[in-house]
Protein backbone atom coordinates (compact mmCIF):
# COMPACT_ATOMS: atom_id res chain seq x y z
CA MET A 1 -14.04 35.92 49.67
CA PRO A 2 -17.25 36.55 47.74
CA ILE A 3 -20.70 35.13 48.36
CA TYR A 4 -22.15 33.50 45.25
CA GLU A 5 -25.64 32.24 44.45
CA TYR A 6 -25.96 28.75 42.98
CA LYS A 7 -28.64 26.40 41.71
CA CYS A 8 -28.09 22.68 42.08
CA LYS A 9 -28.61 20.77 38.82
CA ALA A 10 -29.37 17.56 40.74
CA CYS A 11 -32.15 18.77 43.10
CA ASP A 12 -32.96 22.32 41.81
CA LYS A 13 -32.23 23.90 45.22
CA LYS A 14 -31.06 27.56 45.13
CA PHE A 15 -28.59 28.69 47.79
CA GLU A 16 -25.87 31.23 48.62
CA THR A 17 -22.44 30.29 49.88
CA LEU A 18 -19.14 31.92 50.73
CA VAL A 19 -16.44 30.72 48.33
CA MET A 20 -12.92 30.65 49.75
CA GLY A 21 -10.01 30.59 47.31
CA GLY A 22 -10.38 27.96 44.63
CA SER A 23 -12.72 25.72 46.62
CA THR A 24 -15.66 24.10 44.85
CA PRO A 25 -18.96 24.46 46.74
CA GLU A 26 -21.49 21.68 47.14
CA CYS A 27 -25.27 21.72 47.51
CA PRO A 28 -26.30 21.84 51.19
CA SER A 29 -29.34 19.71 50.37
CA CYS A 30 -27.92 16.78 48.37
CA ASN A 31 -24.11 17.37 48.48
CA SER A 32 -23.88 17.47 44.68
CA ARG A 33 -21.12 19.56 43.07
CA ASP A 34 -23.05 19.81 39.77
CA LEU A 35 -24.02 23.48 40.19
CA SER A 36 -24.85 26.51 38.08
CA ARG A 37 -23.71 29.89 39.36
CA LEU A 38 -26.53 32.45 39.16
CA MET A 39 -26.36 36.15 38.40
CA SER A 40 -26.94 38.08 41.61
CA ALA A 41 -28.90 41.30 41.76
CA CYS A 42 -26.97 44.05 43.48
CA GLY A 43 -28.25 46.88 45.64
CA PHE A 44 -27.60 50.59 45.30
CA ILE A 45 -28.62 53.97 46.72
CA SER A 46 -28.93 56.96 44.42
CA LYS A 47 -29.02 60.39 46.06
CA SER A 48 -29.92 63.52 44.14
CA SER A 49 -28.68 66.81 45.60
CA GLY A 50 -30.11 69.43 43.24
CA PRO A 51 -32.60 72.12 44.40
CA GLY A 52 -36.02 70.52 44.72
CA ASN A 53 -34.54 67.09 43.94
CA GLU A 54 -33.96 65.74 47.44
CA THR A 55 -35.01 62.19 46.57
CA ILE A 56 -33.39 58.95 47.55
CA VAL A 57 -33.93 55.85 45.45
CA LYS A 58 -33.02 52.50 46.97
CA SER A 59 -32.83 49.19 45.21
CA SER A 60 -31.67 45.86 46.50
CA GLY A 61 -31.69 42.40 45.08
CA SER A 62 -32.12 39.04 46.71
CA SER A 63 -28.50 38.75 47.77
CA ALA A 64 -27.21 39.10 51.33
CA CYS A 65 -26.86 42.89 50.97
CA GLY A 66 -30.64 43.17 50.57
CA SER A 67 -31.15 41.99 54.14
CA CYS A 68 -28.09 43.61 55.73
CA SER A 69 -28.88 45.84 58.71
CA SER A 70 -25.54 47.64 58.68
CA SER A 71 -25.40 51.30 57.63
CA LYS A 72 -21.93 50.90 56.08
CA CYS A 73 -20.68 47.83 54.26
CA SER A 74 -17.21 47.47 52.80
CA SER A 75 -18.26 44.61 50.48
CA CYS A 76 -21.04 46.49 48.68
CA GLY A 77 -19.93 50.10 49.21
CA VAL A 78 -23.20 51.29 50.74
C-alpha cells in the first residue's frame, strides 16, 4: 500500500495519501477526484568505506520518508 503525492486540478491543493488496492483517492480539501499524481523525491544514504573516504551523504525528498524518525524502514530500505 504505497503513499502517493497528488495535486488537485480543482483547487490546486497538494497532498499525500495512502492508496489501498484499486481505490481512487479524493482531495481532502474539496473532495474532487480530478487529480494529478506527482513524482515523489526519494531519500537515500550513501556510505563510502575506502581509506580516508569515511563520508556519509544523505538526501531526502519531501515525501514521508524525509520526516521519518525511524532508523530502519522496510518501505524505503534505509
